[in-house]
Amino acid sequence: MWSRATSNGFRVDSSPPDVVDAPAVDVTQGMAVRNTQVLRDLIHFSWKFSDPESGIKDQYVSVSTHHNGDVNIPSIKIAGSELDYTFTNLTLHEGSRYIVTVVACNFAGLCTQANTESFLVDGSPPSVVTFAIGTESAANLQRHHIIWIDPTEPAETPDGTDYATDSISSTTESPPTTPSPPRHHSGWMTWLEDPRTSLVP
């Protein structure tokens, strides 16, 4: 006499996880311009992988510079169900570009890697330089040297000193008796200009 038993059917998974949504840095966290971040201490990003055959077991997230330099941020292992992550307490370098990498591994031990687009860390304020107005051609160019600018009307400091006037006296060599240049206002912006260095035909 003899007997035979048969196991339930099973599937061999030979495919790695699929990328549904590539990793992307959160545009609401200090990013006003595409791929340019003003924050230097954190990176928040999201992504999505899929593996209907064997499921995603583990994921690994890391940060590197655009030239694969060392940024002292070790790779971190997280659960396979996670769809976003935030690196905190960072010291990102001004003017450098970074890339976030996410690696997803399924229960068969097969892995898929995906990266964010490189993004620039730029926390520096804009520089106020010479600009041209009322220009129809190069021959009609008017250049103005701005010595004070503000998106609102100038306010007085607590001691009663007008900020705009104080800025002028500290950045020019005009005698104390020299009258302050007139204020210009257009739309949301108020500014003063130095008539000695402005070129107006």
N, C-alpha and C. Protein backbone atom coordinates (compact mmCIF):
# COMPACT_ATOMS: atom_id res chain seq x y z
N MET A 1 0.85 -1.19 0.00
CA MET A 1 0.00 0.00 0.00
C MET A 1 0.89 1.25 0.00
N TRP A 2 0.39 2.30 -0.52
CA TRP A 2 1.14 3.55 -0.56
C TRP A 2 0.18 4.74 -0.56
N SER A 3 0.73 5.90 -0.24
CA SER A 3 -0.07 7.13 -0.22
C SER A 3 0.74 8.28 -0.80
N ARG A 4 0.08 9.30 -1.24
CA ARG A 4 0.74 10.47 -1.83
C ARG A 4 0.05 11.74 -1.37
N ALA A 5 0.84 12.73 -1.05
CA ALA A 5 0.30 14.03 -0.63
C ALA A 5 0.87 15.11 -1.55
N THR A 6 0.08 16.08 -1.82
CA THR A 6 0.49 17.17 -2.71
C THR A 6 0.34 18.50 -1.99
N SER A 7 1.36 19.32 -2.07
CA SER A 7 1.30 20.64 -1.43
C SER A 7 0.45 21.59 -2.26
N ASN A 8 0.11 22.68 -1.65
CA ASN A 8 -0.57 23.73 -2.40
C ASN A 8 0.38 24.31 -3.45
N GLY A 9 -0.17 24.86 -4.49
CA GLY A 9 0.67 25.46 -5.52
C GLY A 9 1.40 26.70 -5.01
N PHE A 10 2.52 26.99 -5.57
CA PHE A 10 3.27 28.19 -5.17
C PHE A 10 3.89 28.82 -6.41
N ARG A 11 4.23 30.08 -6.28
CA ARG A 11 4.80 30.84 -7.39
C ARG A 11 6.21 31.28 -7.04
N VAL A 12 7.09 31.16 -7.98
CA VAL A 12 8.47 31.62 -7.80
C VAL A 12 8.55 33.06 -8.30
N ASP A 13 8.93 33.97 -7.40
CA ASP A 13 9.03 35.39 -7.76
C ASP A 13 10.45 35.68 -8.21
N SER A 14 10.60 35.99 -9.47
CA SER A 14 11.92 36.30 -10.02
C SER A 14 12.04 37.75 -10.46
N SER A 15 11.06 38.57 -10.07
CA SER A 15 11.07 39.98 -10.48
C SER A 15 11.23 40.89 -9.27
N PRO A 16 11.99 41.96 -9.39
CA PRO A 16 12.15 42.93 -8.30
C PRO A 16 10.93 43.84 -8.21
N PRO A 17 10.82 44.64 -7.16
CA PRO A 17 9.70 45.58 -7.03
C PRO A 17 9.67 46.58 -8.20
N ASP A 18 8.48 47.05 -8.50
CA ASP A 18 8.31 48.06 -9.55
C ASP A 18 8.20 49.44 -8.92
N VAL A 19 8.71 50.44 -9.64
CA VAL A 19 8.60 51.83 -9.19
C VAL A 19 7.27 52.39 -9.68
N VAL A 20 6.40 52.74 -8.76
CA VAL A 20 5.12 53.35 -9.10
C VAL A 20 5.28 54.86 -9.17
N ASP A 21 5.83 55.45 -8.12
CA ASP A 21 6.13 56.88 -8.07
C ASP A 21 7.59 57.04 -7.68
N ALA A 22 8.38 57.65 -8.54
CA ALA A 22 9.79 57.87 -8.24
C ALA A 22 9.93 58.80 -7.04
N PRO A 23 10.98 58.63 -6.25
CA PRO A 23 11.18 59.53 -5.10
C PRO A 23 11.21 60.98 -5.54
N ALA A 24 10.57 61.84 -4.74
CA ALA A 24 10.51 63.27 -5.04
C ALA A 24 10.54 64.05 -3.73
N VAL A 25 11.32 65.11 -3.72
CA VAL A 25 11.40 65.97 -2.54
C VAL A 25 10.12 66.78 -2.42
N ASP A 26 9.64 66.92 -1.19
CA ASP A 26 8.39 67.63 -0.92
C ASP A 26 8.54 69.11 -1.26
N VAL A 27 7.77 69.60 -2.23
CA VAL A 27 7.87 70.99 -2.67
C VAL A 27 7.29 71.96 -1.65
N THR A 28 6.56 71.47 -0.64
CA THR A 28 5.98 72.35 0.37
C THR A 28 6.93 72.57 1.55
N GLN A 29 8.07 71.90 1.53
CA GLN A 29 9.03 72.02 2.63
C GLN A 29 10.25 72.83 2.18
N GLY A 30 10.07 74.15 2.15
CA GLY A 30 11.20 75.04 1.84
C GLY A 30 11.66 75.02 0.41
N MET A 31 10.78 74.72 -0.53
CA MET A 31 11.16 74.70 -1.94
C MET A 31 10.21 75.59 -2.73
N ALA A 32 10.69 76.80 -3.10
CA ALA A 32 9.87 77.74 -3.85
C ALA A 32 10.11 77.62 -5.34
N VAL A 33 11.27 77.13 -5.71
CA VAL A 33 11.64 76.94 -7.11
C VAL A 33 11.94 75.46 -7.32
N ARG A 34 11.55 74.93 -8.46
CA ARG A 34 11.76 73.51 -8.73
C ARG A 34 13.21 73.11 -8.52
N ASN A 35 13.40 72.03 -7.74
CA ASN A 35 14.71 71.46 -7.47
C ASN A 35 15.68 72.42 -6.79
N THR A 36 15.15 73.39 -6.06
CA THR A 36 15.97 74.29 -5.25
C THR A 36 15.35 74.41 -3.88
N GLN A 37 16.10 74.01 -2.86
CA GLN A 37 15.58 74.00 -1.49
C GLN A 37 16.33 75.02 -0.65
N VAL A 38 15.59 75.76 0.18
CA VAL A 38 16.22 76.78 1.02
C VAL A 38 16.57 76.23 2.40
N LEU A 39 15.97 75.12 2.81
CA LEU A 39 16.24 74.54 4.12
C LEU A 39 17.54 73.73 4.08
N ARG A 40 18.33 73.85 5.14
CA ARG A 40 19.60 73.13 5.21
C ARG A 40 19.59 72.03 6.26
N ASP A 41 18.52 71.94 7.04
CA ASP A 41 18.53 70.99 8.15
C ASP A 41 17.58 69.81 7.98
N LEU A 42 16.79 69.78 6.91
CA LEU A 42 15.89 68.64 6.71
C LEU A 42 15.59 68.42 5.24
N ILE A 43 15.23 67.17 4.93
CA ILE A 43 14.77 66.79 3.60
C ILE A 43 13.57 65.87 3.79
N HIS A 44 12.43 66.24 3.23
CA HIS A 44 11.25 65.38 3.29
C HIS A 44 10.93 64.93 1.87
N PHE A 45 10.74 63.64 1.69
CA PHE A 45 10.50 63.11 0.35
C PHE A 45 9.53 61.93 0.43
N SER A 46 8.95 61.60 -0.71
CA SER A 46 7.97 60.52 -0.78
C SER A 46 8.21 59.70 -2.04
N TRP A 47 7.64 58.48 -2.08
CA TRP A 47 7.83 57.57 -3.19
C TRP A 47 6.81 56.44 -3.08
N LYS A 48 6.82 55.53 -4.04
CA LYS A 48 5.95 54.36 -3.96
C LYS A 48 6.48 53.24 -4.84
N PHE A 49 6.64 52.05 -4.23
CA PHE A 49 7.00 50.84 -4.95
C PHE A 49 5.84 49.86 -4.89
N SER A 50 5.85 48.89 -5.78
CA SER A 50 4.81 47.87 -5.78
C SER A 50 5.42 46.51 -6.10
N ASP A 51 4.96 45.48 -5.37
CA ASP A 51 5.39 44.12 -5.65
C ASP A 51 4.25 43.17 -5.26
N PRO A 52 3.28 42.95 -6.15
CA PRO A 52 2.13 42.12 -5.80
C PRO A 52 2.45 40.64 -5.62
N GLU A 53 3.59 40.16 -6.14
CA GLU A 53 3.93 38.75 -6.03
C GLU A 53 4.38 38.36 -4.62
N SER A 54 5.42 39.01 -4.14
CA SER A 54 5.95 38.63 -2.82
C SER A 54 5.93 39.76 -1.81
N GLY A 55 5.57 40.96 -2.23
CA GLY A 55 5.51 42.08 -1.29
C GLY A 55 6.87 42.68 -1.01
N ILE A 56 6.87 43.89 -0.47
CA ILE A 56 8.11 44.60 -0.15
C ILE A 56 8.44 44.38 1.32
N LYS A 57 9.62 43.86 1.57
CA LYS A 57 10.05 43.54 2.93
C LYS A 57 10.72 44.73 3.61
N ASP A 58 11.77 45.25 3.01
CA ASP A 58 12.55 46.34 3.60
C ASP A 58 12.83 47.41 2.55
N GLN A 59 13.09 48.62 3.06
CA GLN A 59 13.51 49.73 2.20
C GLN A 59 14.69 50.44 2.86
N TYR A 60 15.50 51.04 2.02
CA TYR A 60 16.69 51.75 2.51
C TYR A 60 16.72 53.13 1.87
N VAL A 61 16.89 54.16 2.68
CA VAL A 61 16.94 55.53 2.18
C VAL A 61 18.29 56.14 2.50
N SER A 62 18.81 56.95 1.59
CA SER A 62 20.11 57.57 1.77
C SER A 62 20.18 58.88 1.00
N VAL A 63 21.17 59.70 1.34
CA VAL A 63 21.39 60.99 0.68
C VAL A 63 22.85 61.05 0.24
N SER A 64 23.07 61.56 -0.96
CA SER A 64 24.44 61.74 -1.45
C SER A 64 24.51 63.03 -2.24
N THR A 65 25.71 63.53 -2.45
CA THR A 65 25.88 64.70 -3.29
C THR A 65 25.81 64.27 -4.74
N HIS A 66 25.72 65.26 -5.64
CA HIS A 66 25.58 64.92 -7.06
C HIS A 66 26.81 64.23 -7.61
N HIS A 67 27.96 64.36 -6.92
CA HIS A 67 29.18 63.68 -7.37
C HIS A 67 29.54 62.53 -6.44
N ASN A 68 28.51 62.01 -5.71
CA ASN A 68 28.67 60.85 -4.82
C ASN A 68 29.68 61.10 -3.71
N GLY A 69 29.77 62.32 -3.26
CA GLY A 69 30.66 62.62 -2.15
C GLY A 69 30.05 62.21 -0.83
N ASP A 70 30.86 62.23 0.21
CA ASP A 70 30.42 61.83 1.54
C ASP A 70 29.72 63.00 2.22
N VAL A 71 28.50 62.80 2.66
CA VAL A 71 27.75 63.84 3.36
C VAL A 71 27.44 63.42 4.80
N ASN A 72 28.09 62.34 5.26
CA ASN A 72 27.94 61.87 6.64
C ASN A 72 26.50 61.57 7.02
N ILE A 73 25.72 61.06 6.08
CA ILE A 73 24.35 60.64 6.34
C ILE A 73 24.27 59.15 6.02
N PRO A 74 24.30 58.28 7.01
CA PRO A 74 24.29 56.84 6.73
C PRO A 74 22.95 56.39 6.16
N SER A 75 22.99 55.30 5.40
CA SER A 75 21.77 54.71 4.85
C SER A 75 20.91 54.20 6.00
N ILE A 76 19.61 54.41 5.92
CA ILE A 76 18.69 54.03 7.00
C ILE A 76 17.71 52.98 6.49
N LYS A 77 17.53 51.92 7.26
CA LYS A 77 16.59 50.86 6.92
C LYS A 77 15.22 51.18 7.52
N ILE A 78 14.18 51.12 6.69
CA ILE A 78 12.83 51.39 7.16
C ILE A 78 11.90 50.27 6.69
N ALA A 79 10.69 50.26 7.19
CA ALA A 79 9.73 49.21 6.85
C ALA A 79 9.32 49.29 5.38
N GLY A 80 8.93 48.16 4.85
CA GLY A 80 8.53 48.10 3.45
C GLY A 80 7.23 48.81 3.15
N SER A 81 6.46 49.12 4.19
CA SER A 81 5.18 49.79 3.99
C SER A 81 5.29 51.31 3.95
N GLU A 82 6.46 51.86 4.28
CA GLU A 82 6.62 53.31 4.32
C GLU A 82 6.57 53.91 2.92
N LEU A 83 5.95 55.09 2.83
CA LEU A 83 5.84 55.80 1.55
C LEU A 83 6.50 57.18 1.58
N ASP A 84 6.99 57.60 2.73
CA ASP A 84 7.70 58.87 2.82
C ASP A 84 8.64 58.82 4.01
N TYR A 85 9.57 59.78 4.02
CA TYR A 85 10.56 59.82 5.11
C TYR A 85 11.11 61.24 5.19
N THR A 86 11.58 61.62 6.40
CA THR A 86 12.17 62.94 6.61
C THR A 86 13.52 62.80 7.29
N PHE A 87 14.56 63.26 6.63
CA PHE A 87 15.87 63.38 7.26
C PHE A 87 15.88 64.69 8.05
N THR A 88 16.26 64.65 9.31
CA THR A 88 16.29 65.85 10.14
C THR A 88 17.68 66.06 10.73
N ASN A 89 17.87 67.24 11.33
CA ASN A 89 19.15 67.59 11.98
C ASN A 89 20.33 67.47 11.01
N LEU A 90 20.10 67.89 9.78
CA LEU A 90 21.16 67.85 8.78
C LEU A 90 21.95 69.14 8.76
N THR A 91 23.09 69.11 8.12
CA THR A 91 23.88 70.31 7.86
C THR A 91 24.27 70.28 6.39
N LEU A 92 23.30 70.57 5.54
CA LEU A 92 23.55 70.56 4.11
C LEU A 92 24.39 71.77 3.72
N HIS A 93 25.22 71.60 2.73
CA HIS A 93 26.14 72.65 2.32
C HIS A 93 25.49 73.60 1.33
N GLU A 94 25.66 74.88 1.59
CA GLU A 94 25.14 75.91 0.70
C GLU A 94 25.77 75.78 -0.69
N GLY A 95 24.92 75.80 -1.71
CA GLY A 95 25.41 75.74 -3.07
C GLY A 95 25.68 74.34 -3.60
N SER A 96 25.44 73.31 -2.78
CA SER A 96 25.67 71.93 -3.23
C SER A 96 24.37 71.30 -3.72
N ARG A 97 24.51 70.31 -4.56
CA ARG A 97 23.36 69.56 -5.05
C ARG A 97 23.34 68.18 -4.40
N TYR A 98 22.12 67.72 -4.10
CA TYR A 98 21.96 66.45 -3.42
C TYR A 98 20.97 65.56 -4.15
N ILE A 99 21.11 64.24 -3.90
CA ILE A 99 20.21 63.24 -4.48
C ILE A 99 19.79 62.29 -3.36
N VAL A 100 18.50 62.01 -3.29
CA VAL A 100 17.97 61.04 -2.34
C VAL A 100 17.75 59.73 -3.07
N THR A 101 18.21 58.63 -2.47
CA THR A 101 18.07 57.31 -3.07
C THR A 101 17.22 56.42 -2.17
N VAL A 102 16.28 55.70 -2.78
CA VAL A 102 15.44 54.74 -2.07
C VAL A 102 15.61 53.37 -2.73
N VAL A 103 15.91 52.36 -1.92
CA VAL A 103 16.05 50.99 -2.41
C VAL A 103 14.98 50.14 -1.74
N ALA A 104 14.17 49.45 -2.55
CA ALA A 104 13.11 48.58 -2.03
C ALA A 104 13.46 47.12 -2.35
N CYS A 105 13.37 46.25 -1.33
CA CYS A 105 13.69 44.83 -1.49
C CYS A 105 12.48 43.98 -1.13
N ASN A 106 12.16 43.00 -1.95
CA ASN A 106 11.02 42.15 -1.68
C ASN A 106 11.43 40.92 -0.86
N PHE A 107 10.48 40.06 -0.54
CA PHE A 107 10.76 38.89 0.28
C PHE A 107 11.56 37.84 -0.46
N ALA A 108 11.70 37.99 -1.77
CA ALA A 108 12.55 37.09 -2.55
C ALA A 108 13.99 37.56 -2.57
N GLY A 109 14.26 38.69 -1.93
CA GLY A 109 15.62 39.22 -1.88
C GLY A 109 16.02 40.02 -3.09
N LEU A 110 15.06 40.37 -3.93
CA LEU A 110 15.34 41.17 -5.11
C LEU A 110 15.04 42.64 -4.82
N CYS A 111 15.89 43.52 -5.30
CA CYS A 111 15.79 44.94 -4.94
C CYS A 111 15.72 45.84 -6.17
N THR A 112 15.11 47.00 -5.98
CA THR A 112 15.03 48.03 -7.01
C THR A 112 15.44 49.36 -6.40
N GLN A 113 16.23 50.12 -7.12
CA GLN A 113 16.70 51.43 -6.65
C GLN A 113 16.09 52.54 -7.50
N ALA A 114 15.72 53.63 -6.84
CA ALA A 114 15.19 54.82 -7.54
C ALA A 114 15.74 56.06 -6.85
N ASN A 115 15.94 57.11 -7.63
CA ASN A 115 16.53 58.35 -7.11
C ASN A 115 15.62 59.55 -7.37
N THR A 116 15.78 60.58 -6.55
CA THR A 116 15.15 61.86 -6.83
C THR A 116 15.98 62.57 -7.89
N GLU A 117 15.42 63.61 -8.46
CA GLU A 117 16.23 64.51 -9.26
C GLU A 117 17.17 65.25 -8.32
N SER A 118 18.33 65.63 -8.81
CA SER A 118 19.25 66.38 -7.96
C SER A 118 18.62 67.74 -7.64
N PHE A 119 18.81 68.19 -6.41
CA PHE A 119 18.27 69.49 -6.02
C PHE A 119 19.36 70.32 -5.35
N LEU A 120 19.25 71.63 -5.55
CA LEU A 120 20.23 72.58 -5.05
C LEU A 120 19.79 73.14 -3.69
N VAL A 121 20.75 73.26 -2.78
CA VAL A 121 20.48 73.90 -1.50
C VAL A 121 20.95 75.34 -1.60
N ASP A 122 20.00 76.28 -1.50
CA ASP A 122 20.31 77.70 -1.66
C ASP A 122 19.54 78.50 -0.62
N GLY A 123 20.21 78.86 0.46
CA GLY A 123 19.58 79.65 1.50
C GLY A 123 20.07 81.08 1.55
N SER A 124 20.83 81.49 0.53
CA SER A 124 21.39 82.84 0.52
C SER A 124 20.35 83.86 0.07
N PRO A 125 20.38 85.07 0.62
CA PRO A 125 19.43 86.11 0.18
C PRO A 125 19.82 86.64 -1.19
N PRO A 126 18.87 87.22 -1.92
CA PRO A 126 19.20 87.80 -3.22
C PRO A 126 20.06 89.04 -3.07
N SER A 127 20.87 89.31 -4.06
CA SER A 127 21.73 90.49 -4.06
C SER A 127 21.03 91.63 -4.78
N VAL A 128 21.11 92.84 -4.22
CA VAL A 128 20.54 94.02 -4.86
C VAL A 128 21.61 94.65 -5.73
N VAL A 129 21.37 94.69 -7.02
CA VAL A 129 22.35 95.21 -7.96
C VAL A 129 21.69 96.24 -8.87
N THR A 130 22.42 96.67 -9.88
CA THR A 130 21.91 97.64 -10.84
C THR A 130 20.84 97.00 -11.72
N PHE A 131 19.77 97.76 -12.00
CA PHE A 131 18.76 97.25 -12.91
C PHE A 131 18.33 98.35 -13.86
N ALA A 132 17.71 97.97 -14.97
CA ALA A 132 17.33 98.92 -16.01
C ALA A 132 15.82 99.03 -16.08
N ILE A 133 15.33 100.26 -16.34
CA ILE A 133 13.89 100.48 -16.49
C ILE A 133 13.64 101.34 -17.71
N GLY A 134 12.40 101.32 -18.19
CA GLY A 134 12.00 102.17 -19.31
C GLY A 134 12.88 101.98 -20.53
N THR A 135 13.22 100.73 -20.83
CA THR A 135 14.16 100.47 -21.90
C THR A 135 13.46 99.98 -23.15
N GLU A 136 13.68 100.67 -24.26
CA GLU A 136 13.18 100.21 -25.55
C GLU A 136 14.32 99.74 -26.43
N SER A 137 15.51 100.20 -26.13
CA SER A 137 16.69 99.77 -26.86
C SER A 137 17.90 100.04 -26.00
N ALA A 138 19.06 99.57 -26.44
CA ALA A 138 20.28 99.77 -25.66
C ALA A 138 20.62 101.25 -25.55
N ALA A 139 20.21 102.05 -26.54
CA ALA A 139 20.52 103.48 -26.53
C ALA A 139 19.69 104.22 -25.50
N ASN A 140 18.60 103.64 -25.06
CA ASN A 140 17.72 104.33 -24.12
C ASN A 140 17.80 103.70 -22.73
N LEU A 141 18.99 103.15 -22.41
CA LEU A 141 19.15 102.41 -21.16
C LEU A 141 19.28 103.36 -19.98
N GLN A 142 18.54 103.07 -18.93
CA GLN A 142 18.62 103.82 -17.68
C GLN A 142 19.01 102.86 -16.58
N ARG A 143 20.10 103.13 -15.91
CA ARG A 143 20.58 102.26 -14.84
C ARG A 143 20.44 102.97 -13.49
N HIS A 144 19.95 102.21 -12.53
CA HIS A 144 19.70 102.76 -11.21
C HIS A 144 20.39 101.92 -10.15
N HIS A 145 21.15 102.58 -9.29
CA HIS A 145 21.83 101.89 -8.21
C HIS A 145 20.95 101.98 -6.96
N ILE A 146 20.42 100.85 -6.53
CA ILE A 146 19.52 100.81 -5.39
C ILE A 146 20.33 100.74 -4.09
N ILE A 147 19.99 101.62 -3.13
CA ILE A 147 20.68 101.60 -1.84
C ILE A 147 19.75 101.17 -0.72
N TRP A 148 18.47 101.04 -1.00
CA TRP A 148 17.52 100.53 0.00
C TRP A 148 16.30 100.03 -0.73
N ILE A 149 15.81 98.85 -0.32
CA ILE A 149 14.62 98.29 -0.97
C ILE A 149 13.84 97.49 0.04
N ASP A 150 12.52 97.54 -0.09
CA ASP A 150 11.67 96.81 0.84
C ASP A 150 10.33 96.56 0.16
N PRO A 151 9.71 95.40 0.40
CA PRO A 151 8.41 95.13 -0.23
C PRO A 151 7.26 95.94 0.35
N THR A 152 7.52 96.66 1.44
CA THR A 152 6.49 97.49 2.05
C THR A 152 7.05 98.86 2.32
N GLU A 153 6.20 99.75 2.81
CA GLU A 153 6.68 101.08 3.17
C GLU A 153 7.68 100.98 4.31
N PRO A 154 8.78 101.78 4.34
CA PRO A 154 9.76 101.71 5.41
C PRO A 154 9.15 102.04 6.76
N ALA A 155 9.59 101.30 7.76
CA ALA A 155 9.10 101.52 9.12
C ALA A 155 10.20 102.11 9.98
N GLU A 156 9.81 102.75 11.06
CA GLU A 156 10.77 103.32 11.97
C GLU A 156 11.23 102.27 12.97
N THR A 157 12.47 102.42 13.40
CA THR A 157 12.99 101.51 14.41
C THR A 157 12.45 101.93 15.77
N PRO A 158 12.60 101.07 16.82
CA PRO A 158 12.08 101.43 18.14
C PRO A 158 12.59 102.76 18.69
N ASP A 159 13.84 103.16 18.28
CA ASP A 159 14.37 104.41 18.81
C ASP A 159 13.93 105.62 17.98
N GLY A 160 13.07 105.40 16.99
CA GLY A 160 12.55 106.50 16.20
C GLY A 160 13.34 106.80 14.96
N THR A 161 14.43 106.04 14.69
CA THR A 161 15.25 106.28 13.52
C THR A 161 14.62 105.64 12.30
N ASP A 162 14.49 106.38 11.23
CA ASP A 162 13.93 105.84 10.01
C ASP A 162 14.94 104.88 9.40
N TYR A 163 14.50 103.64 9.13
CA TYR A 163 15.39 102.61 8.63
C TYR A 163 16.01 103.00 7.30
N ALA A 164 15.22 103.56 6.41
CA ALA A 164 15.73 103.92 5.10
C ALA A 164 16.80 104.98 5.20
N THR A 165 16.55 106.03 5.99
CA THR A 165 17.52 107.11 6.15
C THR A 165 18.79 106.60 6.79
N ASP A 166 18.63 105.71 7.79
CA ASP A 166 19.79 105.16 8.47
C ASP A 166 20.63 104.32 7.52
N SER A 167 19.97 103.57 6.62
CA SER A 167 20.69 102.75 5.66
C SER A 167 21.50 103.60 4.72
N ILE A 168 20.94 104.76 4.32
CA ILE A 168 21.64 105.63 3.38
C ILE A 168 22.90 106.19 4.02
N SER A 169 22.79 106.67 5.27
CA SER A 169 23.93 107.29 5.91
C SER A 169 25.04 106.28 6.17
N SER A 170 24.69 105.00 6.30
CA SER A 170 25.68 103.98 6.60
C SER A 170 26.31 103.40 5.34
N THR A 171 25.72 103.63 4.18
CA THR A 171 26.24 103.02 2.97
C THR A 171 26.75 104.04 1.96
N THR A 172 26.63 105.32 2.24
CA THR A 172 27.14 106.34 1.34
C THR A 172 28.04 107.28 2.13
N GLU A 173 28.76 108.13 1.41
CA GLU A 173 29.66 109.07 2.04
C GLU A 173 29.13 110.49 1.95
N SER A 174 27.84 110.65 1.80
CA SER A 174 27.24 111.97 1.70
C SER A 174 27.36 112.70 3.03
N PRO A 175 27.60 114.00 3.02
CA PRO A 175 27.65 114.76 4.26
C PRO A 175 26.31 114.68 4.98
N PRO A 176 26.32 114.87 6.30
CA PRO A 176 25.07 114.79 7.07
C PRO A 176 24.01 115.76 6.59
N THR A 177 24.44 116.86 5.95
CA THR A 177 23.47 117.87 5.53
C THR A 177 22.84 117.53 4.18
N THR A 178 23.36 116.48 3.50
CA THR A 178 22.82 116.12 2.19
C THR A 178 21.42 115.56 2.34
N PRO A 179 20.43 116.10 1.62
CA PRO A 179 19.07 115.58 1.75
C PRO A 179 18.97 114.14 1.26
N SER A 180 18.09 113.41 1.87
CA SER A 180 17.90 112.01 1.48
C SER A 180 17.26 111.95 0.09
N PRO A 181 17.64 110.95 -0.70
CA PRO A 181 17.02 110.78 -2.02
C PRO A 181 15.52 110.50 -1.86
N PRO A 182 14.73 110.86 -2.84
CA PRO A 182 13.29 110.61 -2.74
C PRO A 182 12.98 109.13 -2.77
N ARG A 183 11.89 108.77 -2.13
CA ARG A 183 11.45 107.39 -2.14
C ARG A 183 10.64 107.13 -3.41
N HIS A 184 10.84 105.97 -3.98
CA HIS A 184 10.09 105.55 -5.16
C HIS A 184 9.20 104.38 -4.75
N HIS A 185 8.00 104.37 -5.25
CA HIS A 185 7.08 103.29 -4.90
C HIS A 185 6.33 102.85 -6.15
N SER A 186 6.31 101.52 -6.37
CA SER A 186 5.60 100.96 -7.51
C SER A 186 5.02 99.60 -7.12
N GLY A 187 3.71 99.48 -7.16
CA GLY A 187 3.08 98.21 -6.79
C GLY A 187 3.35 97.87 -5.35
N TRP A 188 4.04 96.75 -5.12
CA TRP A 188 4.30 96.29 -3.76
C TRP A 188 5.67 96.71 -3.26
N MET A 189 6.46 97.43 -4.07
CA MET A 189 7.85 97.68 -3.72
C MET A 189 8.13 99.16 -3.50
N THR A 190 8.90 99.46 -2.48
CA THR A 190 9.38 100.81 -2.21
C THR A 190 10.91 100.78 -2.21
N TRP A 191 11.57 101.78 -2.85
CA TRP A 191 13.02 101.78 -2.88
C TRP A 191 13.57 103.19 -2.92
N LEU A 192 14.87 103.30 -2.62
CA LEU A 192 15.64 104.53 -2.73
C LEU A 192 16.81 104.24 -3.65
N GLU A 193 17.29 105.26 -4.35
CA GLU A 193 18.44 105.03 -5.20
C GLU A 193 19.48 106.12 -4.98
N ASP A 194 20.72 105.76 -5.24
CA ASP A 194 21.84 106.69 -5.08
C ASP A 194 22.01 107.46 -6.38
N PRO A 195 21.68 108.77 -6.42
CA PRO A 195 21.75 109.52 -7.69
C PRO A 195 23.17 109.70 -8.20
N ARG A 196 24.16 109.52 -7.31
CA ARG A 196 25.53 109.71 -7.75
C ARG A 196 26.02 108.56 -8.61
N THR A 197 25.45 107.38 -8.45
CA THR A 197 25.91 106.21 -9.21
C THR A 197 24.88 105.70 -10.19
N SER A 198 23.72 106.35 -10.25
CA SER A 198 22.70 105.96 -11.22
C SER A 198 22.94 106.69 -12.52
N LEU A 199 22.77 105.98 -13.62
CA LEU A 199 23.00 106.56 -14.93
C LEU A 199 21.65 106.75 -15.63
N VAL A 200 21.21 107.99 -15.69
CA VAL A 200 19.94 108.31 -16.35
C VAL A 200 20.22 109.32 -17.44
N PRO A 201 19.90 109.05 -18.70
CA PRO A 201 20.18 109.98 -19.78
C PRO A 201 19.46 111.31 -19.60
